[in-house]
Amino acid sequence: QYYTFFFFNDTATTEIYTEQIVGSVRCVQETALYEYDDFDDYFEMTTQYGYNLLFATAFPLACFFSFIFNYIELWSDTYKIRNVYRRPIPRKSKGIGSWIIVLKWINFTSIFTNLFLFSFCSNQIFGFFPWLIGQEALRQHNSQSNESYFQHRNKYILMIMLVLEHILLLIYYVIEKFVRDKPYWLDLYLRRRQFKITRDKSIANID
């Protein structure tokens, strides 16, 4: 697979031609490999992000394990792109496309799923609001039937969940509205570059 032309007296020239031939052979070899599609990688990361965020209260350590697995995934994907698939062709892109909409919907939906798990599917709410099972609640439990007691307690749990929901939705709205997707210096640099491109095109059209 590797050929060197030895009839060149110049060693540097020989090395240049050798590199060109090796590069050409590598390109021919890559044509036989599978074409790389980033959909599976985006889908895998989005699914993992969804599990971590939608059910964060069910298993808070999921993010820690995801960090470890993503580090391993980094090396496996590197091997995959270098040896199994063709090298992807670099193209300009303004973002990650429709995946950003999916991620935003996951962020929004996670408020409701985590609040439901926090309020009705675990005892976490009693750790933050112990008065729900305090002395007053125990006295009501002793003086009332079990059904009446749980209805009375669930009423307060539902009220707490609705208050927390509105607070989290307000925080989510503030972050979406006022926190920049990119830093100010980068936004200023991109706008300045766009202005120079537009100015150069205008000057070229005038000439």
C-alpha atoms as a PDB file:
ATOM      1  CA  GLN A   1       0.000   0.000   0.000  1.00  0.00           C
ATOM      2  CA  TYR A   2       2.929   2.333   0.468  1.00  0.00           C
ATOM      3  CA  TYR A   3       5.168   3.189  -2.470  1.00  0.00           C
ATOM      4  CA  THR A   4       8.222   5.408  -2.522  1.00  0.00           C
ATOM      5  CA  PHE A   5       9.867   6.765  -5.656  1.00  0.00           C
ATOM      6  CA  PHE A   6      13.590   6.314  -5.103  1.00  0.00           C
ATOM      7  CA  PHE A   7      14.690   7.933  -8.355  1.00  0.00           C
ATOM      8  CA  PHE A   8      14.492  11.342  -6.670  1.00  0.00           C
ATOM      9  CA  ASN A   9      17.834  12.462  -5.350  1.00  0.00           C
ATOM     10  CA  ASP A  10      16.182  14.983  -3.021  1.00  0.00           C
ATOM     11  CA  THR A  11      15.064  13.306   0.218  1.00  0.00           C
ATOM     12  CA  ALA A  12      12.507  16.031   0.958  1.00  0.00           C
ATOM     13  CA  THR A  13      10.898  15.553  -2.451  1.00  0.00           C
ATOM     14  CA  THR A  14      10.732  11.807  -1.878  1.00  0.00           C
ATOM     15  CA  GLU A  15       9.004  12.295   1.474  1.00  0.00           C
ATOM     16  CA  ILE A  16       6.452  14.670  -0.076  1.00  0.00           C
ATOM     17  CA  TYR A  17       5.519  12.182  -2.787  1.00  0.00           C
ATOM     18  CA  THR A  18       5.366   9.388  -0.224  1.00  0.00           C
ATOM     19  CA  GLU A  19       2.920  11.386   1.906  1.00  0.00           C
ATOM     20  CA  GLN A  20       0.782  12.133  -1.129  1.00  0.00           C
ATOM     21  CA  ILE A  21       0.585   8.475  -2.095  1.00  0.00           C
ATOM     22  CA  VAL A  22      -0.189   7.389   1.464  1.00  0.00           C
ATOM     23  CA  GLY A  23      -2.945  10.032   1.647  1.00  0.00           C
ATOM     24  CA  SER A  24      -4.394   8.844  -1.675  1.00  0.00           C
ATOM     25  CA  VAL A  25      -4.394   5.225  -0.502  1.00  0.00           C
ATOM     26  CA  ARG A  26      -6.119   6.270   2.713  1.00  0.00           C
ATOM     27  CA  CYS A  27      -8.857   8.035   0.735  1.00  0.00           C
ATOM     28  CA  VAL A  28      -9.402   4.959  -1.412  1.00  0.00           C
ATOM     29  CA  GLN A  29      -9.643   2.780   1.688  1.00  0.00           C
ATOM     30  CA  GLU A  30     -12.202   5.088   3.281  1.00  0.00           C
ATOM     31  CA  THR A  31     -14.519   4.814   0.284  1.00  0.00           C
ATOM     32  CA  ALA A  32     -15.139   1.184   1.296  1.00  0.00           C
ATOM     33  CA  LEU A  33     -16.210   2.157   4.827  1.00  0.00           C
ATOM     34  CA  TYR A  34     -19.713   2.977   6.013  1.00  0.00           C
ATOM     35  CA  GLU A  35     -20.916   6.519   5.593  1.00  0.00           C
ATOM     36  CA  TYR A  36     -21.141   8.328   8.927  1.00  0.00           C
ATOM     37  CA  ASP A  37     -24.543   9.593  10.082  1.00  0.00           C
ATOM     38  CA  ASP A  38     -24.735  11.665  13.243  1.00  0.00           C
ATOM     39  CA  PHE A  39     -28.426  10.898  13.916  1.00  0.00           C
ATOM     40  CA  ASP A  40     -27.676   7.917  16.166  1.00  0.00           C
ATOM     41  CA  ASP A  41     -25.178   9.899  18.239  1.00  0.00           C
ATOM     42  CA  TYR A  42     -27.587  12.802  18.689  1.00  0.00           C
ATOM     43  CA  PHE A  43     -30.410  10.409  19.535  1.00  0.00           C
ATOM     44  CA  GLU A  44     -28.262   8.587  22.091  1.00  0.00           C
ATOM     45  CA  MET A  45     -27.184  11.779  23.847  1.00  0.00           C
ATOM     46  CA  THR A  46     -30.692  13.226  23.797  1.00  0.00           C
ATOM     47  CA  THR A  47     -32.148  10.036  25.285  1.00  0.00           C
ATOM     48  CA  GLN A  48     -29.570  10.049  28.045  1.00  0.00           C
ATOM     49  CA  TYR A  49     -30.210  13.719  28.730  1.00  0.00           C
ATOM     50  CA  GLY A  50     -33.941  13.040  28.892  1.00  0.00           C
ATOM     51  CA  TYR A  51     -33.589  10.231  31.422  1.00  0.00           C
ATOM     52  CA  ASN A  52     -31.256  12.309  33.573  1.00  0.00           C
ATOM     53  CA  LEU A  53     -33.535  15.326  33.582  1.00  0.00           C
ATOM     54  CA  LEU A  54     -37.035  13.871  33.482  1.00  0.00           C
ATOM     55  CA  PHE A  55     -36.376  11.474  36.375  1.00  0.00           C
ATOM     56  CA  ALA A  56     -33.718  13.347  38.304  1.00  0.00           C
ATOM     57  CA  THR A  57     -35.511  13.015  41.649  1.00  0.00           C
ATOM     58  CA  ALA A  58     -35.880   9.249  41.193  1.00  0.00           C
ATOM     59  CA  PHE A  59     -32.127   8.664  40.869  1.00  0.00           C
ATOM     60  CA  PRO A  60     -29.988  11.778  41.503  1.00  0.00           C
ATOM     61  CA  LEU A  61     -26.718   9.862  40.912  1.00  0.00           C
ATOM     62  CA  ALA A  62     -27.630   9.262  37.269  1.00  0.00           C
ATOM     63  CA  CYS A  63     -25.734  12.391  36.187  1.00  0.00           C
ATOM     64  CA  PHE A  64     -22.564  11.155  37.888  1.00  0.00           C
ATOM     65  CA  PHE A  65     -22.710   7.795  36.115  1.00  0.00           C
ATOM     66  CA  SER A  66     -23.558   9.520  32.846  1.00  0.00           C
ATOM     67  CA  PHE A  67     -20.386  11.607  33.177  1.00  0.00           C
ATOM     68  CA  ILE A  68     -18.301   8.445  33.516  1.00  0.00           C
ATOM     69  CA  PHE A  69     -20.045   6.679  30.637  1.00  0.00           C
ATOM     70  CA  ASN A  70     -19.751   9.742  28.403  1.00  0.00           C
ATOM     71  CA  TYR A  71     -15.994   9.800  28.994  1.00  0.00           C
ATOM     72  CA  ILE A  72     -15.825   6.184  27.792  1.00  0.00           C
ATOM     73  CA  GLU A  73     -18.176   7.043  24.926  1.00  0.00           C
ATOM     74  CA  LEU A  74     -15.797   9.801  23.848  1.00  0.00           C
ATOM     75  CA  TRP A  75     -13.023   7.310  23.179  1.00  0.00           C
ATOM     76  CA  SER A  76     -15.293   4.735  21.551  1.00  0.00           C
ATOM     77  CA  ASP A  77     -16.753   7.348  19.195  1.00  0.00           C
ATOM     78  CA  THR A  78     -13.244   8.519  18.332  1.00  0.00           C
ATOM     79  CA  TYR A  79     -12.290   4.985  17.346  1.00  0.00           C
ATOM     80  CA  LYS A  80     -15.557   4.575  15.434  1.00  0.00           C
ATOM     81  CA  ILE A  81     -15.102   7.716  13.350  1.00  0.00           C
ATOM     82  CA  ARG A  82     -11.402   7.061  12.670  1.00  0.00           C
ATOM     83  CA  ASN A  83     -11.557   3.365  11.826  1.00  0.00           C
ATOM     84  CA  VAL A  84     -15.092   2.188  11.148  1.00  0.00           C
ATOM     85  CA  TYR A  85     -16.766   5.060   9.277  1.00  0.00           C
ATOM     86  CA  ARG A  86     -15.659   7.548   6.693  1.00  0.00           C
ATOM     87  CA  ARG A  87     -14.451  10.819   8.037  1.00  0.00           C
ATOM     88  CA  PRO A  88     -17.419  13.211   8.094  1.00  0.00           C
ATOM     89  CA  ILE A  89     -17.238  16.130   5.710  1.00  0.00           C
ATOM     90  CA  PRO A  90     -17.124  19.410   7.675  1.00  0.00           C
ATOM     91  CA  ARG A  91     -20.026  21.714   6.876  1.00  0.00           C
ATOM     92  CA  LYS A  92     -21.101  25.067   8.225  1.00  0.00           C
ATOM     93  CA  SER A  93     -24.001  24.970  10.636  1.00  0.00           C
ATOM     94  CA  LYS A  94     -25.790  27.520  12.789  1.00  0.00           C
ATOM     95  CA  GLY A  95     -26.543  24.979  15.502  1.00  0.00           C
ATOM     96  CA  ILE A  96     -27.714  21.427  16.105  1.00  0.00           C
ATOM     97  CA  GLY A  97     -30.907  21.826  14.115  1.00  0.00           C
ATOM     98  CA  SER A  98     -34.213  20.493  15.395  1.00  0.00           C
ATOM     99  CA  TRP A  99     -32.504  18.761  18.312  1.00  0.00           C
ATOM    100  CA  ILE A 100     -32.447  22.044  20.210  1.00  0.00           C
ATOM    101  CA  ILE A 101     -36.265  22.051  20.157  1.00  0.00           C
ATOM    102  CA  VAL A 102     -36.303  18.523  21.590  1.00  0.00           C
ATOM    103  CA  LEU A 103     -33.912  19.542  24.377  1.00  0.00           C
ATOM    104  CA  LYS A 104     -36.008  22.573  25.262  1.00  0.00           C
ATOM    105  CA  TRP A 105     -39.140  20.452  25.468  1.00  0.00           C
ATOM    106  CA  ILE A 106     -37.307  18.042  27.756  1.00  0.00           C
ATOM    107  CA  ASN A 107     -36.299  20.972  29.973  1.00  0.00           C
ATOM    108  CA  PHE A 108     -39.886  22.188  30.123  1.00  0.00           C
ATOM    109  CA  THR A 109     -41.445  18.765  30.714  1.00  0.00           C
ATOM    110  CA  SER A 110     -38.947  17.838  33.423  1.00  0.00           C
ATOM    111  CA  ILE A 111     -40.480  20.462  35.728  1.00  0.00           C
ATOM    112  CA  PHE A 112     -43.757  18.540  35.848  1.00  0.00           C
ATOM    113  CA  THR A 113     -42.328  15.016  35.946  1.00  0.00           C
ATOM    114  CA  ASN A 114     -39.921  15.791  38.786  1.00  0.00           C
ATOM    115  CA  LEU A 115     -42.557  17.628  40.796  1.00  0.00           C
ATOM    116  CA  PHE A 116     -44.937  14.688  40.439  1.00  0.00           C
ATOM    117  CA  LEU A 117     -42.251  12.242  41.536  1.00  0.00           C
ATOM    118  CA  PHE A 118     -41.250  14.572  44.362  1.00  0.00           C
ATOM    119  CA  SER A 119     -44.805  14.988  45.619  1.00  0.00           C
ATOM    120  CA  PHE A 120     -46.631  11.697  45.087  1.00  0.00           C
ATOM    121  CA  CYS A 121     -44.147   8.927  44.251  1.00  0.00           C
ATOM    122  CA  SER A 122     -41.657   9.292  47.102  1.00  0.00           C
ATOM    123  CA  ASN A 123     -41.278  10.590  50.650  1.00  0.00           C
ATOM    124  CA  GLN A 124     -38.962  13.434  49.624  1.00  0.00           C
ATOM    125  CA  ILE A 125     -41.629  16.068  50.147  1.00  0.00           C
ATOM    126  CA  PHE A 126     -41.903  15.128  53.835  1.00  0.00           C
ATOM    127  CA  GLY A 127     -38.198  15.813  54.266  1.00  0.00           C
ATOM    128  CA  PHE A 128     -38.656  19.384  53.011  1.00  0.00           C
ATOM    129  CA  PHE A 129     -42.063  19.893  54.632  1.00  0.00           C
ATOM    130  CA  PRO A 130     -42.033  17.786  57.802  1.00  0.00           C
ATOM    131  CA  TRP A 131     -45.120  19.512  59.151  1.00  0.00           C
ATOM    132  CA  LEU A 132     -47.157  17.359  56.769  1.00  0.00           C
ATOM    133  CA  ILE A 133     -46.500  14.436  59.097  1.00  0.00           C
ATOM    134  CA  GLY A 134     -46.024  16.464  62.286  1.00  0.00           C
ATOM    135  CA  GLN A 135     -47.968  16.300  65.527  1.00  0.00           C
ATOM    136  CA  GLU A 136     -50.964  18.094  64.078  1.00  0.00           C
ATOM    137  CA  ALA A 137     -51.157  15.610  61.210  1.00  0.00           C
ATOM    138  CA  LEU A 138     -50.859  12.705  63.619  1.00  0.00           C
ATOM    139  CA  ARG A 139     -53.677  14.079  65.755  1.00  0.00           C
ATOM    140  CA  GLN A 140     -55.865  14.435  62.682  1.00  0.00           C
ATOM    141  CA  HIS A 141     -54.956  10.906  61.693  1.00  0.00           C
ATOM    142  CA  ASN A 142     -56.024   9.596  65.111  1.00  0.00           C
ATOM    143  CA  SER A 143     -59.255  11.553  65.145  1.00  0.00           C
ATOM    144  CA  GLN A 144     -60.298  10.905  61.539  1.00  0.00           C
ATOM    145  CA  SER A 145     -60.570   7.908  59.299  1.00  0.00           C
ATOM    146  CA  ASN A 146     -57.607   6.961  57.133  1.00  0.00           C
ATOM    147  CA  GLU A 147     -59.374   8.069  53.946  1.00  0.00           C
ATOM    148  CA  SER A 148     -60.209  11.485  55.371  1.00  0.00           C
ATOM    149  CA  TYR A 149     -56.684  11.903  56.703  1.00  0.00           C
ATOM    150  CA  PHE A 150     -55.019  11.153  53.369  1.00  0.00           C
ATOM    151  CA  GLN A 151     -57.434  13.415  51.494  1.00  0.00           C
ATOM    152  CA  HIS A 152     -56.597  16.240  53.876  1.00  0.00           C
ATOM    153  CA  ARG A 153     -52.854  15.657  53.477  1.00  0.00           C
ATOM    154  CA  ASN A 154     -52.970  15.271  49.690  1.00  0.00           C
ATOM    155  CA  LYS A 155     -54.739  18.611  49.481  1.00  0.00           C
ATOM    156  CA  TYR A 156     -51.722  20.327  51.028  1.00  0.00           C
ATOM    157  CA  ILE A 157     -49.309  18.313  48.904  1.00  0.00           C
ATOM    158  CA  LEU A 158     -51.132  19.387  45.750  1.00  0.00           C
ATOM    159  CA  MET A 159     -51.042  23.029  46.844  1.00  0.00           C
ATOM    160  CA  ILE A 160     -47.299  22.815  47.514  1.00  0.00           C
ATOM    161  CA  MET A 161     -46.728  21.185  44.118  1.00  0.00           C
ATOM    162  CA  LEU A 162     -48.655  23.933  42.305  1.00  0.00           C
ATOM    163  CA  VAL A 163     -46.709  26.678  44.102  1.00  0.00           C
ATOM    164  CA  LEU A 164     -43.378  25.030  43.290  1.00  0.00           C
ATOM    165  CA  GLU A 165     -44.484  24.521  39.702  1.00  0.00           C
ATOM    166  CA  HIS A 166     -45.188  28.226  39.210  1.00  0.00           C
ATOM    167  CA  ILE A 167     -41.867  29.170  40.814  1.00  0.00           C
ATOM    168  CA  LEU A 168     -39.899  26.786  38.593  1.00  0.00           C
ATOM    169  CA  LEU A 169     -41.748  27.906  35.480  1.00  0.00           C
ATOM    170  CA  LEU A 170     -40.899  31.506  36.323  1.00  0.00           C
ATOM    171  CA  ILE A 171     -37.228  30.608  36.774  1.00  0.00           C
ATOM    172  CA  TYR A 172     -37.287  28.699  33.487  1.00  0.00           C
ATOM    173  CA  TYR A 173     -38.811  31.670  31.675  1.00  0.00           C
ATOM    174  CA  VAL A 174     -36.235  34.097  33.125  1.00  0.00           C
ATOM    175  CA  ILE A 175     -33.359  31.841  32.072  1.00  0.00           C
ATOM    176  CA  GLU A 176     -34.746  31.380  28.559  1.00  0.00           C
ATOM    177  CA  LYS A 177     -35.458  35.080  28.149  1.00  0.00           C
ATOM    178  CA  PHE A 178     -32.431  36.777  29.679  1.00  0.00           C
ATOM    179  CA  VAL A 179     -29.544  34.287  29.703  1.00  0.00           C
ATOM    180  CA  ARG A 180     -27.566  34.412  26.454  1.00  0.00           C
ATOM    181  CA  ASP A 181     -26.886  31.257  24.457  1.00  0.00           C
ATOM    182  CA  LYS A 182     -23.415  32.559  23.686  1.00  0.00           C
ATOM    183  CA  PRO A 183     -21.206  35.053  25.564  1.00  0.00           C
ATOM    184  CA  TYR A 184     -21.338  38.734  24.747  1.00  0.00           C
ATOM    185  CA  TRP A 185     -17.808  38.856  23.308  1.00  0.00           C
ATOM    186  CA  LEU A 186     -18.609  36.062  20.843  1.00  0.00           C
ATOM    187  CA  ASP A 187     -21.854  37.712  19.780  1.00  0.00           C
ATOM    188  CA  LEU A 188     -19.986  40.985  19.245  1.00  0.00           C
ATOM    189  CA  TYR A 189     -17.281  39.245  17.218  1.00  0.00           C
ATOM    190  CA  LEU A 190     -19.825  37.519  14.942  1.00  0.00           C
ATOM    191  CA  ARG A 191     -21.740  40.722  14.350  1.00  0.00           C
ATOM    192  CA  ARG A 192     -18.521  42.592  13.555  1.00  0.00           C
ATOM    193  CA  ARG A 193     -17.450  39.884  11.110  1.00  0.00           C
ATOM    194  CA  GLN A 194     -20.853  39.937   9.420  1.00  0.00           C
ATOM    195  CA  PHE A 195     -20.623  43.712   9.127  1.00  0.00           C
ATOM    196  CA  LYS A 196     -17.202  43.476   7.441  1.00  0.00           C
ATOM    197  CA  ILE A 197     -18.471  40.844   4.998  1.00  0.00           C
ATOM    198  CA  THR A 198     -21.478  43.001   4.090  1.00  0.00           C
ATOM    199  CA  ARG A 199     -19.271  46.076   3.703  1.00  0.00           C
ATOM    200  CA  ASP A 200     -16.781  44.265   1.448  1.00  0.00           C
ATOM    201  CA  LYS A 201     -19.615  42.974  -0.754  1.00  0.00           C
ATOM    202  CA  SER A 202     -21.028  46.487  -1.052  1.00  0.00           C
ATOM    203  CA  ILE A 203     -17.617  47.900  -2.049  1.00  0.00           C
ATOM    204  CA  ALA A 204     -17.153  45.098  -4.602  1.00  0.00           C
ATOM    205  CA  ASN A 205     -20.549  45.804  -6.151  1.00  0.00           C
ATOM    206  CA  ILE A 206     -19.741  49.504  -6.428  1.00  0.00           C
ATOM    207  CA  ASP A 207     -16.456  48.758  -8.177  1.00  0.00           C
END
